[in-house]
Amino acid sequence: MNKAETQKKPSWIVRAFRSVVVFFSGLIVLIVAVAMVFGAFSKKDDPRPEPPAPRVTATTPEPPPQPAAPKQPEYRVITKYEMDAVLASMNQYQGVRESRIVQEGKTFKLALSVSLGVTEAEARDLGDSFVRQVKGIINDTQPTKTIGMGSFSYWVIVGTNGNKVLAQGEKWPESESIRWK
């Protein structure tokens, strides 16, 4: 008997095990090869030095400063809607032909144009009502019979279309009523 006849063929289990070992060995080699390729592209293992950072010198222009956000006023600004409401209300008074409101900071300039038949006392009453309505709509402390103190100044002028001034006055934040001139 020759040597080939005396050796037995490996069983199917051994052959299957050898195939699995060869398959996984090949898979491990493939994974290592892929890791080496991608590892070569990573910056962490790159042997080349980093480029130097740009130098800042006295001749390098500074970036322009960012514009500041628009500053909100420290006082209440009357809205167009509120202004229109007060003007419509004032124009309903008997004898009032036209009314105007201008706000400059914490000062309101109020102007009334009245008919020729309005007396000086009626003009002052209309001016008081005008200030009360503006104070009420902007919540500048609720007005009372004497108008009361507040946070704003009011300049009031009541005149006719013929440029005749019937009443002119001012009310400061710390005063209780309009000081008529």
C-alpha atoms as a PDB file:
ATOM      1  CA  MET A   1       0.000   0.000   0.000  1.00  0.00           C
ATOM      2  CA  ASN A   2       1.208   3.318  -0.817  1.00  0.00           C
ATOM      3  CA  LYS A   3       1.191   6.303   1.402  1.00  0.00           C
ATOM      4  CA  ALA A   4      -1.679   8.072  -0.405  1.00  0.00           C
ATOM      5  CA  GLU A   5      -3.985   5.155   0.101  1.00  0.00           C
ATOM      6  CA  THR A   6      -3.222   4.918   3.789  1.00  0.00           C
ATOM      7  CA  GLN A   7      -4.009   8.582   4.547  1.00  0.00           C
ATOM      8  CA  LYS A   8      -7.616   9.307   5.150  1.00  0.00           C
ATOM      9  CA  LYS A   9      -9.469  12.176   3.591  1.00  0.00           C
ATOM     10  CA  PRO A  10     -10.315  14.908   6.107  1.00  0.00           C
ATOM     11  CA  SER A  11     -13.897  14.941   7.245  1.00  0.00           C
ATOM     12  CA  TRP A  12     -16.353  17.537   6.016  1.00  0.00           C
ATOM     13  CA  ILE A  13     -16.195  19.338   9.384  1.00  0.00           C
ATOM     14  CA  VAL A  14     -12.443  19.853   9.108  1.00  0.00           C
ATOM     15  CA  ARG A  15     -12.776  21.051   5.518  1.00  0.00           C
ATOM     16  CA  ALA A  16     -15.540  23.502   6.543  1.00  0.00           C
ATOM     17  CA  PHE A  17     -13.453  24.798   9.454  1.00  0.00           C
ATOM     18  CA  ARG A  18     -10.446  25.375   7.171  1.00  0.00           C
ATOM     19  CA  SER A  19     -12.689  27.288   4.735  1.00  0.00           C
ATOM     20  CA  VAL A  20     -14.027  29.517   7.502  1.00  0.00           C
ATOM     21  CA  VAL A  21     -10.477  30.231   8.766  1.00  0.00           C
ATOM     22  CA  VAL A  22      -9.307  31.142   5.257  1.00  0.00           C
ATOM     23  CA  PHE A  23     -12.393  33.377   4.712  1.00  0.00           C
ATOM     24  CA  PHE A  24     -11.961  35.305   7.973  1.00  0.00           C
ATOM     25  CA  SER A  25      -8.199  35.639   7.475  1.00  0.00           C
ATOM     26  CA  GLY A  26      -8.852  37.220   4.086  1.00  0.00           C
ATOM     27  CA  LEU A  27     -11.476  39.515   5.605  1.00  0.00           C
ATOM     28  CA  ILE A  28      -9.061  40.681   8.306  1.00  0.00           C
ATOM     29  CA  VAL A  29      -6.384  41.403   5.708  1.00  0.00           C
ATOM     30  CA  LEU A  30      -8.924  43.418   3.683  1.00  0.00           C
ATOM     31  CA  ILE A  31     -10.005  45.448   6.738  1.00  0.00           C
ATOM     32  CA  VAL A  32      -6.383  46.208   7.664  1.00  0.00           C
ATOM     33  CA  ALA A  33      -5.632  47.299   4.093  1.00  0.00           C
ATOM     34  CA  VAL A  34      -8.675  49.628   4.011  1.00  0.00           C
ATOM     35  CA  ALA A  35      -7.746  51.090   7.400  1.00  0.00           C
ATOM     36  CA  MET A  36      -4.223  51.773   6.182  1.00  0.00           C
ATOM     37  CA  VAL A  37      -5.510  53.540   3.043  1.00  0.00           C
ATOM     38  CA  PHE A  38      -7.959  55.730   4.948  1.00  0.00           C
ATOM     39  CA  GLY A  39      -5.460  56.258   7.732  1.00  0.00           C
ATOM     40  CA  ALA A  40      -3.051  57.718   5.194  1.00  0.00           C
ATOM     41  CA  PHE A  41      -5.624  60.414   4.402  1.00  0.00           C
ATOM     42  CA  SER A  42      -6.192  61.415   7.997  1.00  0.00           C
ATOM     43  CA  LYS A  43      -4.561  64.665   9.082  1.00  0.00           C
ATOM     44  CA  LYS A  44      -3.709  63.281  12.502  1.00  0.00           C
ATOM     45  CA  ASP A  45      -1.038  60.933  11.136  1.00  0.00           C
ATOM     46  CA  ASP A  46       0.138  63.339   8.411  1.00  0.00           C
ATOM     47  CA  PRO A  47       3.923  63.741   8.792  1.00  0.00           C
ATOM     48  CA  ARG A  48       3.904  67.097   6.965  1.00  0.00           C
ATOM     49  CA  PRO A  49       4.025  70.176   9.233  1.00  0.00           C
ATOM     50  CA  GLU A  50       1.027  72.527   9.528  1.00  0.00           C
ATOM     51  CA  PRO A  51       1.328  75.808   7.612  1.00  0.00           C
ATOM     52  CA  PRO A  52       2.165  78.715   9.916  1.00  0.00           C
ATOM     53  CA  ALA A  53      -0.675  81.008  11.081  1.00  0.00           C
ATOM     54  CA  PRO A  54      -0.733  84.452   9.402  1.00  0.00           C
ATOM     55  CA  ARG A  55       1.152  87.070  11.357  1.00  0.00           C
ATOM     56  CA  VAL A  56      -0.661  90.102  12.691  1.00  0.00           C
ATOM     57  CA  THR A  57       1.458  93.192  12.337  1.00  0.00           C
ATOM     58  CA  ALA A  58       0.891  96.887  12.830  1.00  0.00           C
ATOM     59  CA  THR A  59       0.237  97.242   9.095  1.00  0.00           C
ATOM     60  CA  THR A  60      -2.440  94.568   9.046  1.00  0.00           C
ATOM     61  CA  PRO A  61      -5.781  96.373   9.021  1.00  0.00           C
ATOM     62  CA  GLU A  62      -8.156  95.580  11.842  1.00  0.00           C
ATOM     63  CA  PRO A  63     -11.583  94.342  10.809  1.00  0.00           C
ATOM     64  CA  PRO A  64     -14.202  97.095  11.031  1.00  0.00           C
ATOM     65  CA  PRO A  65     -16.223  97.098  14.243  1.00  0.00           C
ATOM     66  CA  GLN A  66     -19.720  95.672  14.037  1.00  0.00           C
ATOM     67  CA  PRO A  67     -22.429  98.328  14.111  1.00  0.00           C
ATOM     68  CA  ALA A  68     -24.233  98.483  17.432  1.00  0.00           C
ATOM     69  CA  ALA A  69     -27.861  97.468  17.554  1.00  0.00           C
ATOM     70  CA  PRO A  70     -30.202 100.444  17.454  1.00  0.00           C
ATOM     71  CA  LYS A  71     -30.707 101.693  20.982  1.00  0.00           C
ATOM     72  CA  GLN A  72     -34.258 101.575  22.246  1.00  0.00           C
ATOM     73  CA  PRO A  73     -35.488 104.836  23.762  1.00  0.00           C
ATOM     74  CA  GLU A  74     -35.769 104.928  27.543  1.00  0.00           C
ATOM     75  CA  TYR A  75     -39.269 106.371  27.309  1.00  0.00           C
ATOM     76  CA  ARG A  76     -42.601 105.408  25.818  1.00  0.00           C
ATOM     77  CA  VAL A  77     -43.126 106.418  22.187  1.00  0.00           C
ATOM     78  CA  ILE A  78     -46.693 107.044  21.071  1.00  0.00           C
ATOM     79  CA  THR A  79     -47.714 104.809  18.169  1.00  0.00           C
ATOM     80  CA  LYS A  80     -49.456 106.031  15.030  1.00  0.00           C
ATOM     81  CA  TYR A  81     -52.565 104.098  16.034  1.00  0.00           C
ATOM     82  CA  GLU A  82     -52.665 105.775  19.467  1.00  0.00           C
ATOM     83  CA  MET A  83     -51.991 109.177  17.953  1.00  0.00           C
ATOM     84  CA  ASP A  84     -54.783 108.738  15.401  1.00  0.00           C
ATOM     85  CA  ALA A  85     -57.191 107.698  18.180  1.00  0.00           C
ATOM     86  CA  VAL A  86     -56.447 110.816  20.259  1.00  0.00           C
ATOM     87  CA  LEU A  87     -56.646 113.113  17.231  1.00  0.00           C
ATOM     88  CA  ALA A  88     -59.975 111.611  16.146  1.00  0.00           C
ATOM     89  CA  SER A  89     -61.327 112.052  19.671  1.00  0.00           C
ATOM     90  CA  MET A  90     -60.156 115.678  19.910  1.00  0.00           C
ATOM     91  CA  ASN A  91     -61.610 116.517  16.494  1.00  0.00           C
ATOM     92  CA  GLN A  92     -65.040 115.460  17.827  1.00  0.00           C
ATOM     93  CA  TYR A  93     -65.084 118.321  20.370  1.00  0.00           C
ATOM     94  CA  GLN A  94     -67.316 121.246  19.438  1.00  0.00           C
ATOM     95  CA  GLY A  95     -65.266 124.088  18.007  1.00  0.00           C
ATOM     96  CA  VAL A  96     -62.144 122.003  17.222  1.00  0.00           C
ATOM     97  CA  ARG A  97     -61.216 122.171  13.538  1.00  0.00           C
ATOM     98  CA  GLU A  98     -57.872 120.341  13.590  1.00  0.00           C
ATOM     99  CA  SER A  99     -55.438 118.826  16.081  1.00  0.00           C
ATOM    100  CA  ARG A 100     -51.776 117.819  15.899  1.00  0.00           C
ATOM    101  CA  ILE A 101     -49.370 115.821  18.083  1.00  0.00           C
ATOM    102  CA  VAL A 102     -45.579 115.825  17.792  1.00  0.00           C
ATOM    103  CA  GLN A 103     -43.371 113.818  20.147  1.00  0.00           C
ATOM    104  CA  GLU A 104     -39.760 114.912  20.558  1.00  0.00           C
ATOM    105  CA  GLY A 105     -38.129 112.621  23.084  1.00  0.00           C
ATOM    106  CA  LYS A 106     -39.989 112.999  26.371  1.00  0.00           C
ATOM    107  CA  THR A 107     -41.870 116.105  25.222  1.00  0.00           C
ATOM    108  CA  PHE A 108     -45.240 116.221  23.512  1.00  0.00           C
ATOM    109  CA  LYS A 109     -46.160 119.273  21.468  1.00  0.00           C
ATOM    110  CA  LEU A 110     -49.927 119.509  21.166  1.00  0.00           C
ATOM    111  CA  ALA A 111     -51.673 121.981  18.846  1.00  0.00           C
ATOM    112  CA  LEU A 112     -55.371 122.687  18.397  1.00  0.00           C
ATOM    113  CA  SER A 113     -56.967 124.833  15.742  1.00  0.00           C
ATOM    114  CA  VAL A 114     -60.406 126.019  16.837  1.00  0.00           C
ATOM    115  CA  SER A 115     -63.284 128.035  15.375  1.00  0.00           C
ATOM    116  CA  LEU A 116     -63.541 131.771  15.854  1.00  0.00           C
ATOM    117  CA  GLY A 117     -66.341 131.488  18.441  1.00  0.00           C
ATOM    118  CA  VAL A 118     -64.208 129.632  21.046  1.00  0.00           C
ATOM    119  CA  THR A 119     -63.360 131.702  24.145  1.00  0.00           C
ATOM    120  CA  GLU A 120     -60.054 131.735  26.013  1.00  0.00           C
ATOM    121  CA  ALA A 121     -61.523 129.679  28.901  1.00  0.00           C
ATOM    122  CA  GLU A 122     -62.921 127.085  26.457  1.00  0.00           C
ATOM    123  CA  ALA A 123     -59.518 126.943  24.716  1.00  0.00           C
ATOM    124  CA  ARG A 124     -57.827 126.143  28.058  1.00  0.00           C
ATOM    125  CA  ASP A 125     -60.408 123.424  28.779  1.00  0.00           C
ATOM    126  CA  LEU A 126     -59.750 121.916  25.330  1.00  0.00           C
ATOM    127  CA  GLY A 127     -55.975 122.010  26.042  1.00  0.00           C
ATOM    128  CA  ASP A 128     -56.509 120.251  29.399  1.00  0.00           C
ATOM    129  CA  SER A 129     -58.604 117.561  27.682  1.00  0.00           C
ATOM    130  CA  PHE A 130     -55.937 117.115  25.011  1.00  0.00           C
ATOM    131  CA  VAL A 131     -53.192 116.539  27.611  1.00  0.00           C
ATOM    132  CA  ARG A 132     -55.434 114.153  29.618  1.00  0.00           C
ATOM    133  CA  GLN A 133     -56.141 112.066  26.525  1.00  0.00           C
ATOM    134  CA  VAL A 134     -52.464 111.794  25.541  1.00  0.00           C
ATOM    135  CA  LYS A 135     -51.462 110.966  29.158  1.00  0.00           C
ATOM    136  CA  GLY A 136     -54.185 108.335  29.330  1.00  0.00           C
ATOM    137  CA  ILE A 137     -53.344 106.595  26.067  1.00  0.00           C
ATOM    138  CA  ILE A 138     -49.590 106.366  26.745  1.00  0.00           C
ATOM    139  CA  ASN A 139     -50.097 105.367  30.408  1.00  0.00           C
ATOM    140  CA  ASP A 140     -48.233 108.394  31.749  1.00  0.00           C
ATOM    141  CA  THR A 141     -49.888 108.027  35.169  1.00  0.00           C
ATOM    142  CA  GLN A 142     -53.645 108.268  34.933  1.00  0.00           C
ATOM    143  CA  PRO A 143     -54.797 111.865  34.758  1.00  0.00           C
ATOM    144  CA  THR A 144     -57.057 113.279  37.446  1.00  0.00           C
ATOM    145  CA  LYS A 145     -59.045 116.522  37.598  1.00  0.00           C
ATOM    146  CA  THR A 146     -55.759 118.414  37.978  1.00  0.00           C
ATOM    147  CA  ILE A 147     -54.022 116.239  35.304  1.00  0.00           C
ATOM    148  CA  GLY A 148     -51.347 115.113  37.789  1.00  0.00           C
ATOM    149  CA  MET A 149     -47.622 114.473  37.667  1.00  0.00           C
ATOM    150  CA  GLY A 150     -46.082 112.164  35.073  1.00  0.00           C
ATOM    151  CA  SER A 151     -42.988 111.311  33.057  1.00  0.00           C
ATOM    152  CA  PHE A 152     -43.436 113.615  30.070  1.00  0.00           C
ATOM    153  CA  SER A 153     -43.532 117.334  29.337  1.00  0.00           C
ATOM    154  CA  TYR A 154     -46.444 118.807  27.375  1.00  0.00           C
ATOM    155  CA  TRP A 155     -46.505 122.044  25.401  1.00  0.00           C
ATOM    156  CA  VAL A 156     -49.996 123.088  24.386  1.00  0.00           C
ATOM    157  CA  ILE A 157     -51.122 125.781  21.981  1.00  0.00           C
ATOM    158  CA  VAL A 158     -54.709 126.538  21.026  1.00  0.00           C
ATOM    159  CA  GLY A 159     -55.354 129.015  18.263  1.00  0.00           C
ATOM    160  CA  THR A 160     -57.682 130.022  15.467  1.00  0.00           C
ATOM    161  CA  ASN A 161     -57.144 129.717  11.736  1.00  0.00           C
ATOM    162  CA  GLY A 162     -56.357 133.429  11.694  1.00  0.00           C
ATOM    163  CA  ASN A 163     -53.176 132.660  13.710  1.00  0.00           C
ATOM    164  CA  LYS A 164     -54.654 134.197  16.860  1.00  0.00           C
ATOM    165  CA  VAL A 165     -53.356 132.290  19.926  1.00  0.00           C
ATOM    166  CA  LEU A 166     -56.169 131.832  22.468  1.00  0.00           C
ATOM    167  CA  ALA A 167     -54.233 129.734  25.007  1.00  0.00           C
ATOM    168  CA  GLN A 168     -50.650 128.593  25.363  1.00  0.00           C
ATOM    169  CA  GLY A 169     -49.226 126.570  28.220  1.00  0.00           C
ATOM    170  CA  GLU A 170     -46.785 123.957  29.394  1.00  0.00           C
ATOM    171  CA  LYS A 171     -46.858 121.087  31.830  1.00  0.00           C
ATOM    172  CA  TRP A 172     -43.645 119.634  33.216  1.00  0.00           C
ATOM    173  CA  PRO A 173     -43.372 116.068  34.582  1.00  0.00           C
ATOM    174  CA  GLU A 174     -43.295 117.247  38.220  1.00  0.00           C
ATOM    175  CA  SER A 175     -46.173 119.717  37.885  1.00  0.00           C
ATOM    176  CA  GLU A 176     -49.818 118.867  38.636  1.00  0.00           C
ATOM    177  CA  SER A 177     -51.435 121.000  35.936  1.00  0.00           C
ATOM    178  CA  ILE A 178     -50.775 123.095  32.857  1.00  0.00           C
ATOM    179  CA  ARG A 179     -49.220 126.523  33.506  1.00  0.00           C
ATOM    180  CA  TRP A 180     -51.066 128.821  31.106  1.00  0.00           C
ATOM    181  CA  LYS A 181     -49.395 131.981  29.818  1.00  0.00           C
END
